[in-house]
Protein backbone atom coordinates (compact mmCIF):
# COMPACT_ATOMS: atom_id res chain seq x y z
CA MET A 1 157.24 178.63 136.01
CA ARG A 2 153.52 177.94 136.14
CA LEU A 3 152.53 176.14 139.33
CA ARG A 4 150.08 173.26 139.13
CA SER A 5 146.97 173.61 141.22
CA PRO A 6 146.37 171.19 144.13
CA ARG A 7 143.37 169.85 142.23
CA ARG A 8 145.49 168.95 139.21
CA ILE A 9 148.17 167.41 141.41
CA LEU A 10 145.50 165.31 143.12
CA ALA A 11 144.04 164.32 139.76
CA ALA A 12 147.43 163.13 138.52
CA ALA A 13 148.11 161.17 141.70
CA THR A 14 144.64 159.69 141.60
CA ALA A 15 145.16 158.52 138.01
CA ALA A 16 148.38 156.78 138.99
CA VAL A 17 146.80 155.01 141.96
CA ALA A 18 143.75 154.10 139.87
CA PHE A 19 145.92 152.32 137.35
CA ALA A 20 147.67 150.39 140.10
CA PHE A 21 144.46 149.46 141.91
CA THR A 22 142.08 148.71 139.02
CA GLY A 23 144.28 148.37 135.95
CA THR A 24 142.56 151.29 134.27
CA ALA A 25 143.57 154.90 133.97
CA SER A 26 141.21 157.64 135.11
CA PRO A 27 140.40 160.51 132.74
CA ALA A 28 142.54 163.60 133.27
CA HIS A 29 140.34 166.48 132.15
CA ALA A 30 137.35 167.87 134.02
CA ASP A 31 135.50 168.67 130.80
CA VAL A 32 135.60 164.95 129.96
CA THR A 33 134.74 163.65 133.41
CA ASP A 34 131.68 165.91 133.70
CA VAL A 35 130.01 164.42 130.61
CA PRO A 36 127.16 162.01 131.52
CA PRO A 37 126.82 158.62 129.86
CA VAL A 38 124.53 158.28 126.85
CA GLY A 39 120.92 158.06 127.99
CA ALA A 40 121.43 159.83 131.31
CA ASN A 41 120.50 163.23 132.78
CA ASP A 42 117.51 164.22 130.70
CA TRP A 43 116.06 166.40 133.45
CA SER A 44 112.74 166.64 131.60
CA CYS A 45 112.23 162.85 131.79
CA LYS A 46 109.16 161.76 133.74
CA PRO A 47 108.69 158.21 135.05
CA ASP A 48 105.68 156.27 133.78
CA ALA A 49 103.53 153.52 135.27
CA ALA A 50 105.79 150.79 133.91
CA HIS A 51 108.95 152.49 135.21
CA PRO A 52 107.79 154.47 138.26
CA GLN A 53 111.21 155.17 139.79
CA PRO A 54 114.01 157.11 138.14
CA VAL A 55 117.30 155.21 138.24
CA VAL A 56 120.41 156.80 139.75
CA LEU A 57 123.70 155.25 138.60
CA VAL A 58 126.59 155.49 141.06
CA ASN A 59 130.08 154.82 139.76
CA GLY A 60 132.95 153.13 141.58
CA THR A 61 136.28 154.36 142.94
CA PHE A 62 138.52 156.13 140.40
CA LYS A 63 135.70 155.92 137.84
CA THR A 64 133.62 158.52 136.02
CA MET A 65 129.96 158.21 135.25
CA ALA A 66 130.59 158.33 131.50
CA GLU A 67 133.03 155.43 131.45
CA ASN A 68 131.44 153.32 134.17
CA TRP A 69 127.96 153.39 132.64
CA ALA A 70 128.73 153.57 128.92
CA THR A 71 126.89 150.31 128.30
CA LEU A 72 124.22 150.06 130.98
CA SER A 73 122.95 153.65 130.91
CA PRO A 74 121.73 153.63 127.28
CA GLU A 75 120.39 150.10 127.71
CA LEU A 76 118.25 151.09 130.69
CA ALA A 77 117.16 154.30 128.98
CA ASP A 78 116.10 152.32 125.91
CA ALA A 79 114.09 150.06 128.24
CA GLY A 80 112.08 153.12 129.32
CA TYR A 81 113.74 154.26 132.54
CA CYS A 82 114.65 157.84 133.42
CA ILE A 83 118.39 157.58 134.04
CA PHE A 84 120.54 159.92 136.10
CA ALA A 85 124.23 159.86 136.94
CA PHE A 86 126.78 162.11 138.63
CA ASN A 87 130.43 162.28 139.58
CA TYR A 88 131.23 162.62 143.24
CA GLY A 89 134.01 162.77 145.79
CA THR A 90 137.00 163.68 143.59
CA ALA A 91 136.92 160.53 141.45
CA ALA A 92 135.13 158.77 144.32
CA THR A 93 138.20 158.99 146.54
CA GLU A 94 136.76 161.14 149.35
CA PRO A 95 135.49 159.58 152.62
CA ILE A 96 132.40 157.43 152.16
CA ALA A 97 130.31 159.55 154.53
CA ASP A 98 131.03 162.70 152.52
CA SER A 99 130.18 161.02 149.23
CA ALA A 100 126.95 159.65 150.71
CA ALA A 101 125.94 163.21 151.52
CA GLU A 102 126.56 164.16 147.88
CA LEU A 103 124.35 161.23 146.84
CA ARG A 104 121.61 162.42 149.22
CA ASP A 105 121.65 165.84 147.59
CA PHE A 106 121.67 164.40 144.06
CA VAL A 107 118.73 162.10 144.84
CA GLY A 108 116.87 165.11 146.18
CA ALA A 109 117.44 166.93 142.90
CA VAL A 110 116.27 163.92 140.88
CA LEU A 111 113.10 163.55 142.95
CA GLY A 112 112.41 167.25 142.62
CA ALA A 113 112.83 167.22 138.85
CA THR A 114 110.87 164.04 138.15
CA GLY A 115 108.14 164.29 140.79
CA ALA A 116 108.84 160.71 141.86
CA ARG A 117 108.61 159.63 145.50
CA LYS A 118 111.56 157.24 145.34
CA VAL A 119 114.52 156.35 143.17
CA ASP A 120 116.18 153.09 142.27
CA ILE A 121 119.96 153.05 142.72
CA VAL A 122 122.34 150.90 140.69
CA GLY A 123 125.94 151.13 141.84
CA HIS A 124 129.27 149.61 140.92
CA SER A 125 131.92 148.67 143.53
CA GLN A 126 132.04 151.58 146.02
CA GLY A 127 128.94 152.86 144.22
CA GLY A 128 127.06 149.78 145.39
CA MET A 129 128.20 150.05 148.99
CA MET A 130 128.28 153.81 149.59
CA PRO A 131 124.51 154.28 149.01
CA ARG A 132 123.93 152.01 151.98
CA TYR A 133 125.41 154.76 154.16
CA TYR A 134 122.86 157.15 152.69
CA VAL A 135 120.11 154.62 153.34
CA LYS A 136 121.15 153.85 156.92
CA PHE A 137 122.32 157.22 158.25
CA LEU A 138 121.16 160.03 155.96
CA GLY A 139 117.45 159.38 155.46
CA GLY A 140 117.66 157.31 152.30
CA ALA A 141 115.60 154.40 153.60
CA THR A 142 112.40 156.21 152.65
CA LYS A 143 113.77 157.50 149.33
CA VAL A 144 115.17 154.31 147.73
CA ASP A 145 113.02 151.53 146.30
CA ASP A 146 115.70 149.21 144.86
CA LEU A 147 119.40 149.22 145.67
CA VAL A 148 121.29 147.07 143.18
CA GLY A 149 124.99 146.57 143.84
CA ILE A 150 127.26 145.35 141.03
CA VAL A 151 130.34 143.76 142.66
CA PRO A 152 129.82 146.08 145.66
CA SER A 153 132.43 146.45 148.40
CA ASN A 154 129.87 145.84 151.14
CA HIS A 155 132.26 144.10 153.53
CA GLY A 156 135.40 145.61 152.10
CA THR A 157 138.38 143.98 150.50
CA SER A 158 141.53 142.27 151.70
CA ASN A 159 143.32 143.49 148.56
CA PRO A 160 146.42 145.23 150.00
CA LEU A 161 146.31 147.89 147.28
CA ALA A 162 143.22 149.38 148.90
CA LEU A 163 145.10 150.38 152.03
CA ALA A 164 148.18 151.41 150.03
CA ALA A 165 146.07 153.71 147.87
CA GLY A 166 144.39 155.17 150.92
CA ALA A 167 147.70 156.11 152.44
CA THR A 168 148.25 158.52 149.53
CA VAL A 169 145.19 160.07 147.91
CA CYS A 170 142.20 157.83 148.58
CA PRO A 171 140.40 158.00 151.94
CA SER A 172 137.54 155.94 150.45
CA CYS A 173 140.02 153.13 149.82
CA VAL A 174 140.77 153.02 153.54
CA ASP A 175 137.03 152.97 154.22
CA GLN A 176 136.71 150.00 151.85
CA THR A 177 139.43 147.96 153.53
CA ALA A 178 137.97 144.92 155.30
CA GLY A 179 137.44 145.65 158.98
CA SER A 180 137.59 149.44 158.63
CA ASP A 181 135.81 151.60 161.17
CA LEU A 182 133.42 152.75 158.44
CA LEU A 183 132.44 149.22 157.47
CA GLN A 184 132.02 148.10 161.07
CA LYS A 185 129.60 150.97 161.57
CA LEU A 186 127.81 150.37 158.30
CA ASN A 187 127.42 146.61 158.76
CA ALA A 188 126.35 146.70 162.39
CA ASP A 189 122.86 145.29 162.86
CA PRO A 190 120.72 145.95 160.91
CA GLU A 191 122.95 145.39 157.90
CA THR A 192 120.00 145.87 155.55
CA PRO A 193 117.60 148.43 157.05
CA VAL A 194 113.96 148.07 156.11
CA GLY A 195 112.96 150.25 153.19
CA PRO A 196 114.81 149.34 149.99
CA ASP A 197 115.02 145.97 148.30
CA TYR A 198 118.63 144.85 148.01
CA THR A 199 120.10 142.92 145.06
CA GLN A 200 123.84 142.23 145.24
CA ILE A 201 125.64 140.82 142.18
CA ALA A 202 129.07 139.21 142.53
CA THR A 203 131.51 137.32 140.30
CA LYS A 204 133.96 134.70 141.49
CA TYR A 205 136.58 136.30 139.22
CA ASP A 206 136.57 139.55 141.21
CA GLU A 207 140.17 140.62 141.76
CA VAL A 208 139.38 143.91 143.54
CA VAL A 209 136.71 142.99 146.10
CA VAL A 210 138.45 140.04 147.73
CA PRO A 211 136.96 137.64 148.61
CA TYR A 212 134.04 138.05 146.24
CA THR A 213 131.64 136.97 148.99
CA SER A 214 132.32 140.35 150.60
CA SER A 215 129.74 141.72 148.16
CA PHE A 216 126.89 139.78 149.73
CA LEU A 217 124.50 141.12 152.37
CA ASN A 218 122.66 139.49 155.22
CA GLY A 219 118.92 139.95 155.43
CA PRO A 220 115.53 138.33 154.86
CA ASP A 221 114.93 136.73 151.47
CA ALA A 222 111.86 138.94 151.16
CA TYR A 223 114.04 141.95 150.42
CA VAL A 224 117.62 140.70 149.98
CA THR A 225 118.89 138.66 147.01
CA ASN A 226 122.55 137.74 146.58
CA VAL A 227 123.56 136.72 143.06
CA LEU A 228 126.74 134.92 142.03
CA LEU A 229 126.93 135.21 138.24
CA GLN A 230 128.51 131.78 137.79
CA ASP A 231 125.68 129.98 139.62
CA LYS A 232 123.46 130.53 136.56
CA CYS A 233 126.10 131.19 133.90
CA PRO A 234 129.17 129.07 134.78
CA LEU A 235 131.15 130.23 131.73
CA ASP A 236 130.80 133.94 132.52
CA THR A 237 134.35 135.16 133.25
CA THR A 238 133.47 138.78 134.04
CA GLU A 239 135.82 140.39 136.56
CA HIS A 240 135.41 143.49 138.70
CA ASP A 241 136.22 146.37 136.39
CA GLN A 242 134.09 145.28 133.43
CA ALA A 243 131.09 143.99 135.36
CA THR A 244 128.90 146.95 134.39
CA LYS A 245 129.40 146.04 130.73
CA ASP A 246 128.43 142.38 131.09
CA GLN A 247 125.12 141.37 129.53
CA VAL A 248 124.37 138.79 132.21
CA VAL A 249 124.78 141.51 134.83
CA ALA A 250 122.45 143.76 132.81
CA GLN A 251 119.78 141.07 132.82
CA TRP A 252 119.97 140.73 136.59
CA VAL A 253 119.75 144.50 137.00
CA LYS A 254 116.65 144.72 134.83
CA ASN A 255 115.07 141.78 136.67
CA ALA A 256 115.58 143.59 139.97
CA LEU A 257 114.26 146.92 138.70
CA GLY A 258 111.30 145.41 136.88
CA ARG A 259 109.59 143.59 139.73
CA LYS A 260 108.34 144.14 143.25
CA GLY A 261 111.04 143.08 145.67
CA PRO A 262 114.67 142.26 144.89
CA ALA A 263 115.80 140.19 141.91
CA ASP A 264 114.14 136.78 141.71
CA HIS A 265 116.73 134.20 142.76
CA ARG A 266 115.01 131.74 140.40
CA PHE A 267 115.65 133.97 137.38
CA GLN A 268 117.68 132.33 134.62
CA PRO A 269 119.49 134.89 132.44
CA TYR A 270 120.51 134.14 128.90
CA CYS A 271 124.18 133.23 129.15
CA GLY A 272 125.08 133.66 125.48
CA VAL A 273 127.07 131.32 123.29
């Protein structure tokens, strides 16, 4: 009998927990998960004056870069940005601190390849919160210009599936449980260290980050903007998992990346029909 490797066992368990927690199944094969989204990881790309920072996309828990950024990556690349993405932390299930160290190393590689001084980071769910650990504790405050969180788990979630998942194969799910030791450390004053501009995008239909207000950050308006999609587009019913594919979200992301400071709270996106 051929024994399954621990990595494959973990991958299978992770896929099962992912389906329970997010309603989506995670890819099973490494050759699939290692493929970047369209528009990303052209290591010869050089930022220009209109788009001076390369953009690093950071996926959420149980996600891969290819699936998470299938819509936004090519859209940002078409807009002229140098886009980079990576998979981290065994389907983003490893402890937040460990994944933040992977992000630090990846940002270093991007800066080395592009010659840029800073990057912009756009992250989904854990991918919006975890970079804050890099910013606050691993030297990222001087390396990140914009940090845009799409339904980020900044203050964790009261969804009981987070803790249940963590008890099996997902230490990052424990870290993302409201009140966790990690989040208490991360959100201790200052919650938004000086350096990056912070734009946090939430939807009232979020069923994973509960309550949705957990996505928001405290800090001066000069460099912190909290966005609730339904404030400007009341009929937008985007929930957590599909937020990176929502065109209203994409407009807010581009507004944040395209100006000095965080997204303009006065911005009115096109809400569609």
